[in-house]
PDB file of N, CA and C in Angstrom:
ATOM      1  N   MET A   1      -4.746 105.852   6.949  1.00  0.00           N
ATOM      2  CA  MET A   1      -6.204 105.746   6.941  1.00  0.00           C
ATOM      3  C   MET A   1      -6.659 105.533   8.388  1.00  0.00           C
ATOM      4  N   THR A   2      -7.654 106.273   8.799  1.00  0.00           N
ATOM      5  CA  THR A   2      -8.138 106.139  10.168  1.00  0.00           C
ATOM      6  C   THR A   2      -8.978 104.881  10.311  1.00  0.00           C
ATOM      7  N   SER A   3      -9.098 104.419  11.563  1.00  0.00           N
ATOM      8  CA  SER A   3      -9.855 103.188  11.794  1.00  0.00           C
ATOM      9  C   SER A   3     -11.334 103.366  11.472  1.00  0.00           C
ATOM     10  N   SER A   4     -11.873 104.573  11.721  1.00  0.00           N
ATOM     11  CA  SER A   4     -13.295 104.786  11.406  1.00  0.00           C
ATOM     12  C   SER A   4     -13.535 104.777   9.906  1.00  0.00           C
ATOM     13  N   ARG A   5     -12.568 105.307   9.155  1.00  0.00           N
ATOM     14  CA  ARG A   5     -12.709 105.293   7.695  1.00  0.00           C
ATOM     15  C   ARG A   5     -12.602 103.868   7.159  1.00  0.00           C
ATOM     16  N   MET A   6     -11.688 103.087   7.720  1.00  0.00           N
ATOM     17  CA  MET A   6     -11.540 101.698   7.310  1.00  0.00           C
ATOM     18  C   MET A   6     -12.810 100.925   7.647  1.00  0.00           C
ATOM     19  N   TYR A   7     -13.340 101.206   8.826  1.00  0.00           N
ATOM     20  CA  TYR A   7     -14.564 100.529   9.235  1.00  0.00           C
ATOM     21  C   TYR A   7     -15.693 100.850   8.266  1.00  0.00           C
ATOM     22  N   SER A   8     -15.801 102.081   7.830  1.00  0.00           N
ATOM     23  CA  SER A   8     -16.880 102.439   6.912  1.00  0.00           C
ATOM     24  C   SER A   8     -16.722 101.715   5.574  1.00  0.00           C
ATOM     25  N   HIS A   9     -15.482 101.513   5.138  1.00  0.00           N
ATOM     26  CA  HIS A   9     -15.262 100.762   3.896  1.00  0.00           C
ATOM     27  C   HIS A   9     -15.640  99.298   4.076  1.00  0.00           C
ATOM     28  N   LEU A  10     -15.253  98.734   5.223  1.00  0.00           N
ATOM     29  CA  LEU A  10     -15.610  97.343   5.495  1.00  0.00           C
ATOM     30  C   LEU A  10     -17.120  97.189   5.625  1.00  0.00           C
ATOM     31  N   GLU A  11     -17.748  98.179   6.238  1.00  0.00           N
ATOM     32  CA  GLU A  11     -19.201  98.163   6.374  1.00  0.00           C
ATOM     33  C   GLU A  11     -19.869  98.228   5.004  1.00  0.00           C
ATOM     34  N   GLU A  12     -19.317  99.040   4.127  1.00  0.00           N
ATOM     35  CA  GLU A  12     -19.857  99.165   2.769  1.00  0.00           C
ATOM     36  C   GLU A  12     -19.719  97.837   2.017  1.00  0.00           C
ATOM     37  N   ILE A  13     -18.600  97.171   2.174  1.00  0.00           N
ATOM     38  CA  ILE A  13     -18.396  95.869   1.530  1.00  0.00           C
ATOM     39  C   ILE A  13     -19.408  94.862   2.060  1.00  0.00           C
ATOM     40  N   ALA A  14     -19.653  94.895   3.366  1.00  0.00           N
ATOM     41  CA  ALA A  14     -20.638  93.987   3.964  1.00  0.00           C
ATOM     42  C   ALA A  14     -22.026  94.256   3.390  1.00  0.00           C
ATOM     43  N   TRP A  15     -22.389  95.526   3.222  1.00  0.00           N
ATOM     44  CA  TRP A  15     -23.696  95.877   2.656  1.00  0.00           C
ATOM     45  C   TRP A  15     -23.817  95.387   1.217  1.00  0.00           C
ATOM     46  N   ILE A  16     -22.736  95.506   0.464  1.00  0.00           N
ATOM     47  CA  ILE A  16     -22.754  95.043  -0.921  1.00  0.00           C
ATOM     48  C   ILE A  16     -22.967  93.531  -0.958  1.00  0.00           C
ATOM     49  N   GLY A  17     -22.313  92.816  -0.067  1.00  0.00           N
ATOM     50  CA  GLY A  17     -22.502  91.365   0.016  1.00  0.00           C
ATOM     51  C   GLY A  17     -23.924  91.001   0.381  1.00  0.00           C
ATOM     52  N   GLN A  18     -24.495  91.730   1.336  1.00  0.00           N
ATOM     53  CA  GLN A  18     -25.881  91.475   1.729  1.00  0.00           C
ATOM     54  C   GLN A  18     -26.840  91.750   0.580  1.00  0.00           C
ATOM     55  N   LEU A  19     -26.576  92.811  -0.165  1.00  0.00           N
ATOM     56  CA  LEU A  19     -27.414  93.140  -1.319  1.00  0.00           C
ATOM     57  C   LEU A  19     -27.349  92.031  -2.369  1.00  0.00           C
ATOM     58  N   ALA A  20     -26.166  91.519  -2.607  1.00  0.00           N
ATOM     59  CA  ALA A  20     -26.017  90.421  -3.571  1.00  0.00           C
ATOM     60  C   ALA A  20     -26.788  89.186  -3.098  1.00  0.00           C
ATOM     61  N   ASP A  21     -26.714  88.906  -1.804  1.00  0.00           N
ATOM     62  CA  ASP A  21     -27.460  87.770  -1.255  1.00  0.00           C
ATOM     63  C   ASP A  21     -28.959  87.962  -1.431  1.00  0.00           C
ATOM     64  N   LEU A  22     -29.439  89.179  -1.182  1.00  0.00           N
ATOM     65  CA  LEU A  22     -30.865  89.470  -1.336  1.00  0.00           C
ATOM     66  C   LEU A  22     -31.304  89.324  -2.786  1.00  0.00           C
ATOM     67  N   LYS A  23     -30.470  89.779  -3.709  1.00  0.00           N
ATOM     68  CA  LYS A  23     -30.810  89.656  -5.125  1.00  0.00           C
ATOM     69  C   LYS A  23     -30.912  88.194  -5.526  1.00  0.00           C
ATOM     70  N   GLU A  24     -29.994  87.369  -5.038  1.00  0.00           N
ATOM     71  CA  GLU A  24     -30.031  85.942  -5.343  1.00  0.00           C
ATOM     72  C   GLU A  24     -31.272  85.301  -4.745  1.00  0.00           C
ATOM     73  N   GLU A  25     -31.600  85.653  -3.508  1.00  0.00           N
ATOM     74  CA  GLU A  25     -32.798  85.110  -2.860  1.00  0.00           C
ATOM     75  C   GLU A  25     -34.063  85.552  -3.592  1.00  0.00           C
ATOM     76  N   HIS A  26     -34.098  86.809  -4.024  1.00  0.00           N
ATOM     77  CA  HIS A  26     -35.240  87.326  -4.764  1.00  0.00           C
ATOM     78  C   HIS A  26     -35.410  86.553  -6.079  1.00  0.00           C
ATOM     79  N   TYR A  27     -34.313  86.291  -6.756  1.00  0.00           N
ATOM     80  CA  TYR A  27     -34.364  85.533  -8.006  1.00  0.00           C
ATOM     81  C   TYR A  27     -34.938  84.138  -7.758  1.00  0.00           C
ATOM     82  N   ARG A  28     -34.431  83.446  -6.732  1.00  0.00           N
ATOM     83  CA  ARG A  28     -34.915  82.093  -6.439  1.00  0.00           C
ATOM     84  C   ARG A  28     -36.394  82.104  -6.076  1.00  0.00           C
ATOM     85  N   ASN A  29     -36.825  83.098  -5.281  1.00  0.00           N
ATOM     86  CA  ASN A  29     -38.239  83.187  -4.909  1.00  0.00           C
ATOM     87  C   ASN A  29     -39.113  83.467  -6.126  1.00  0.00           C
ATOM     88  N   SER A  30     -38.648  84.333  -7.009  1.00  0.00           N
ATOM     89  CA  SER A  30     -39.401  84.643  -8.228  1.00  0.00           C
ATOM     90  C   SER A  30     -39.522  83.417  -9.119  1.00  0.00           C
ATOM     91  N   LEU A  31     -38.437  82.665  -9.241  1.00  0.00           N
ATOM     92  CA  LEU A  31     -38.447  81.459 -10.050  1.00  0.00           C
ATOM     93  C   LEU A  31     -39.413  80.430  -9.470  1.00  0.00           C
ATOM     94  N   LEU A  32     -39.370  80.241  -8.165  1.00  0.00           N
ATOM     95  CA  LEU A  32     -40.265  79.296  -7.502  1.00  0.00           C
ATOM     96  C   LEU A  32     -41.723  79.719  -7.666  1.00  0.00           C
ATOM     97  N   LEU A  33     -41.995  80.999  -7.478  1.00  0.00           N
ATOM     98  CA  LEU A  33     -43.362  81.500  -7.635  1.00  0.00           C
ATOM     99  C   LEU A  33     -43.854  81.294  -9.063  1.00  0.00           C
ATOM    100  N   SER A  34     -43.004  81.558 -10.037  1.00  0.00           N
ATOM    101  CA  SER A  34     -43.382  81.350 -11.438  1.00  0.00           C
ATOM    102  C   SER A  34     -43.701  79.882 -11.703  1.00  0.00           C
ATOM    103  N   ALA A  35     -42.896  78.993 -11.136  1.00  0.00           N
ATOM    104  CA  ALA A  35     -43.135  77.562 -11.324  1.00  0.00           C
ATOM    105  C   ALA A  35     -44.466  77.150 -10.712  1.00  0.00           C
ATOM    106  N   VAL A  36     -44.773  77.630  -9.511  1.00  0.00           N
ATOM    107  CA  VAL A  36     -46.035  77.283  -8.849  1.00  0.00           C
ATOM    108  C   VAL A  36     -47.220  77.810  -9.648  1.00  0.00           C
ATOM    109  N   ILE A  37     -47.128  79.038 -10.113  1.00  0.00           N
ATOM    110  CA  ILE A  37     -48.218  79.624 -10.903  1.00  0.00           C
ATOM    111  C   ILE A  37     -48.438  78.818 -12.186  1.00  0.00           C
ATOM    112  N   GLU A  38     -47.343  78.488 -12.873  1.00  0.00           N
ATOM    113  CA  GLU A  38     -47.485  77.713 -14.117  1.00  0.00           C
ATOM    114  C   GLU A  38     -48.102  76.347 -13.853  1.00  0.00           C
ATOM    115  N   LEU A  39     -47.691  75.686 -12.777  1.00  0.00           N
ATOM    116  CA  LEU A  39     -48.272  74.381 -12.454  1.00  0.00           C
ATOM    117  C   LEU A  39     -49.764  74.495 -12.138  1.00  0.00           C
ATOM    118  N   LEU A  40     -50.136  75.525 -11.389  1.00  0.00           N
ATOM    119  CA  LEU A  40     -51.555  75.723 -11.073  1.00  0.00           C
ATOM    120  C   LEU A  40     -52.377  75.937 -12.338  1.00  0.00           C
ATOM    121  N   MET A  41     -51.817  76.660 -13.292  1.00  0.00           N
ATOM    122  CA  MET A  41     -52.535  76.890 -14.549  1.00  0.00           C
ATOM    123  C   MET A  41     -52.541  75.633 -15.423  1.00  0.00           C
ATOM    124  N   GLU A  42     -51.406  74.920 -15.477  1.00  0.00           N
ATOM    125  CA  GLU A  42     -51.347  73.698 -16.277  1.00  0.00           C
ATOM    126  C   GLU A  42     -52.335  72.647 -15.775  1.00  0.00           C
ATOM    127  N   LYS A  43     -52.487  72.576 -14.466  1.00  0.00           N
ATOM    128  CA  LYS A  43     -53.404  71.594 -13.876  1.00  0.00           C
ATOM    129  C   LYS A  43     -54.840  72.119 -13.818  1.00  0.00           C
ATOM    130  N   ARG A  44     -55.023  73.309 -14.360  1.00  0.00           N
ATOM    131  CA  ARG A  44     -56.335  73.966 -14.426  1.00  0.00           C
ATOM    132  C   ARG A  44     -56.983  74.129 -13.051  1.00  0.00           C
ATOM    133  N   ILE A  45     -56.128  74.403 -12.075  1.00  0.00           N
ATOM    134  CA  ILE A  45     -56.613  74.701 -10.723  1.00  0.00           C
ATOM    135  C   ILE A  45     -56.993  76.174 -10.649  1.00  0.00           C
ATOM    136  N   LEU A  46     -56.160  77.014 -11.263  1.00  0.00           N
ATOM    137  CA  LEU A  46     -56.437  78.448 -11.360  1.00  0.00           C
ATOM    138  C   LEU A  46     -56.160  78.903 -12.791  1.00  0.00           C
ATOM    139  N   SER A  47     -56.894  79.925 -13.208  1.00  0.00           N
ATOM    140  CA  SER A  47     -56.649  80.500 -14.537  1.00  0.00           C
ATOM    141  C   SER A  47     -55.754  81.734 -14.390  1.00  0.00           C
ATOM    142  N   ALA A  48     -55.204  82.151 -15.504  1.00  0.00           N
ATOM    143  CA  ALA A  48     -54.378  83.363 -15.502  1.00  0.00           C
ATOM    144  C   ALA A  48     -55.199  84.562 -15.047  1.00  0.00           C
ATOM    145  N   GLU A  49     -56.470  84.600 -15.435  1.00  0.00           N
ATOM    146  CA  GLU A  49     -57.345  85.707 -15.050  1.00  0.00           C
ATOM    147  C   GLU A  49     -57.578  85.732 -13.536  1.00  0.00           C
ATOM    148  N   GLU A  50     -57.753  84.544 -12.937  1.00  0.00           N
ATOM    149  CA  GLU A  50     -57.954  84.478 -11.484  1.00  0.00           C
ATOM    150  C   GLU A  50     -56.706  84.939 -10.728  1.00  0.00           C
ATOM    151  N   ILE A  51     -55.564  84.529 -11.219  1.00  0.00           N
ATOM    152  CA  ILE A  51     -54.310  84.930 -10.579  1.00  0.00           C
ATOM    153  C   ILE A  51     -54.108  86.433 -10.713  1.00  0.00           C
ATOM    154  N   SER A  52     -54.366  86.959 -11.888  1.00  0.00           N
ATOM    155  CA  SER A  52     -54.226  88.395 -12.124  1.00  0.00           C
ATOM    156  C   SER A  52     -55.193  89.195 -11.254  1.00  0.00           C
ATOM    157  N   ALA A  53     -56.430  88.737 -11.157  1.00  0.00           N
ATOM    158  CA  ALA A  53     -57.434  89.436 -10.343  1.00  0.00           C
ATOM    159  C   ALA A  53     -57.020  89.435  -8.872  1.00  0.00           C
ATOM    160  N   LYS A  54     -56.501  88.312  -8.408  1.00  0.00           N
ATOM    161  CA  LYS A  54     -56.067  88.231  -7.013  1.00  0.00           C
ATOM    162  C   LYS A  54     -54.885  89.150  -6.760  1.00  0.00           C
ATOM    163  N   ALA A  55     -53.945  89.199  -7.696  1.00  0.00           N
ATOM    164  CA  ALA A  55     -52.785  90.083  -7.562  1.00  0.00           C
ATOM    165  C   ALA A  55     -53.224  91.544  -7.497  1.00  0.00           C
ATOM    166  N   GLN A  56     -54.175  91.922  -8.334  1.00  0.00           N
ATOM    167  CA  GLN A  56     -54.685  93.291  -8.318  1.00  0.00           C
ATOM    168  C   GLN A  56     -55.387  93.601  -6.999  1.00  0.00           C
ATOM    169  N   ALA A  57     -56.169  92.649  -6.495  1.00  0.00           N
ATOM    170  CA  ALA A  57     -56.868  92.852  -5.226  1.00  0.00           C
ATOM    171  C   ALA A  57     -55.873  93.019  -4.077  1.00  0.00           C
ATOM    172  N   LEU A  58     -54.817  92.212  -4.088  1.00  0.00           N
ATOM    173  CA  LEU A  58     -53.798  92.332  -3.039  1.00  0.00           C
ATOM    174  C   LEU A  58     -53.061  93.656  -3.132  1.00  0.00           C
ATOM    175  N   GLU A  59     -52.813  94.114  -4.348  1.00  0.00           N
ATOM    176  CA  GLU A  59     -52.146  95.403  -4.542  1.00  0.00           C
ATOM    177  C   GLU A  59     -53.000  96.545  -3.995  1.00  0.00           C
ATOM    178  N   ILE A  60     -54.298  96.477  -4.235  1.00  0.00           N
ATOM    179  CA  ILE A  60     -55.216  97.496  -3.717  1.00  0.00           C
ATOM    180  C   ILE A  60     -55.230  97.467  -2.187  1.00  0.00           C
ATOM    181  N   GLN A  61     -55.261  96.261  -1.613  1.00  0.00           N
ATOM    182  CA  GLN A  61     -55.232  96.139  -0.154  1.00  0.00           C
ATOM    183  C   GLN A  61     -53.943  96.698   0.427  1.00  0.00           C
ATOM    184  N   ASP A  62     -52.822  96.396  -0.209  1.00  0.00           N
ATOM    185  CA  ASP A  62     -51.533  96.894   0.263  1.00  0.00           C
ATOM    186  C   ASP A  62     -51.475  98.416   0.195  1.00  0.00           C
ATOM    187  N   ALA A  63     -51.959  98.982  -0.902  1.00  0.00           N
ATOM    188  CA  ALA A  63     -51.953 100.440  -1.054  1.00  0.00           C
ATOM    189  C   ALA A  63     -52.810 101.091   0.021  1.00  0.00           C
ATOM    190  N   ALA A  64     -53.956 100.495   0.324  1.00  0.00           N
ATOM    191  CA  ALA A  64     -54.835 101.036   1.364  1.00  0.00           C
ATOM    192  C   ALA A  64     -54.156 100.955   2.730  1.00  0.00           C
ATOM    193  N   ALA A  65     -53.478  99.849   2.996  1.00  0.00           N
ATOM    194  CA  ALA A  65     -52.785  99.699   4.277  1.00  0.00           C
ATOM    195  C   ALA A  65     -51.657 100.716   4.404  1.00  0.00           C
ATOM    196  N   ILE A  66     -50.939 100.944   3.331  1.00  0.00           N
ATOM    197  CA  ILE A  66     -49.845 101.929   3.346  1.00  0.00           C
ATOM    198  C   ILE A  66     -50.390 103.327   3.592  1.00  0.00           C
ATOM    199  N   ARG A  67     -51.501 103.672   2.942  1.00  0.00           N
ATOM    200  CA  ARG A  67     -52.127 104.986   3.155  1.00  0.00           C
ATOM    201  C   ARG A  67     -52.558 105.134   4.594  1.00  0.00           C
ATOM    202  N   GLN A  68     -53.109 104.067   5.172  1.00  0.00           N
ATOM    203  CA  GLN A  68     -53.555 104.120   6.566  1.00  0.00           C
ATOM    204  C   GLN A  68     -52.368 104.344   7.511  1.00  0.00           C
ATOM    205  N   ILE A  69     -51.279 103.669   7.258  1.00  0.00           N
ATOM    206  CA  ILE A  69     -50.079 103.837   8.082  1.00  0.00           C
ATOM    207  C   ILE A  69     -49.553 105.260   7.952  1.00  0.00           C
ATOM    208  N   GLN A  70     -49.552 105.795   6.746  1.00  0.00           N
ATOM    209  CA  GLN A  70     -49.054 107.152   6.509  1.00  0.00           C
ATOM    210  C   GLN A  70     -49.928 108.180   7.231  1.00  0.00           C
ATOM    211  N   CYS A  71     -51.224 107.922   7.318  1.00  0.00           N
ATOM    212  CA  CYS A  71     -52.127 108.832   8.036  1.00  0.00           C
ATOM    213  C   CYS A  71     -51.779 108.855   9.515  1.00  0.00           C
ATOM    214  N   PHE A  72     -51.432 107.710  10.089  1.00  0.00           N
ATOM    215  CA  PHE A  72     -51.071 107.636  11.506  1.00  0.00           C
ATOM    216  C   PHE A  72     -49.727 108.306  11.768  1.00  0.00           C
ATOM    217  N   GLU A  73     -48.811 108.223  10.805  1.00  0.00           N
ATOM    218  CA  GLU A  73     -47.481 108.810  10.984  1.00  0.00           C
ATOM    219  C   GLU A  73     -47.483 110.321  10.790  1.00  0.00           C
ATOM    220  N   GLY A  74     -48.327 110.798   9.917  1.00  0.00           N
ATOM    221  CA  GLY A  74     -48.264 112.213   9.565  1.00  0.00           C
ATOM    222  C   GLY A  74     -49.408 112.925  10.071  1.00  0.00           C
TER     223      GLY A  74
END
């Protein structure tokens, strides 16, 4: 086996490890976000409708920003 081929296998293993780490971090962040949202609703600081409306507004803003970036690139 050539050294470049071995390196590519080792690189692939490293990427798989990084992906697993990202998945674990994503899970923890999602769990934390869910806990914060539930606490805000339980304490009647925000309603589910307010959270949903804000999420939709942020999604629209993100989509507009992405379109703007794509216009500059293309």
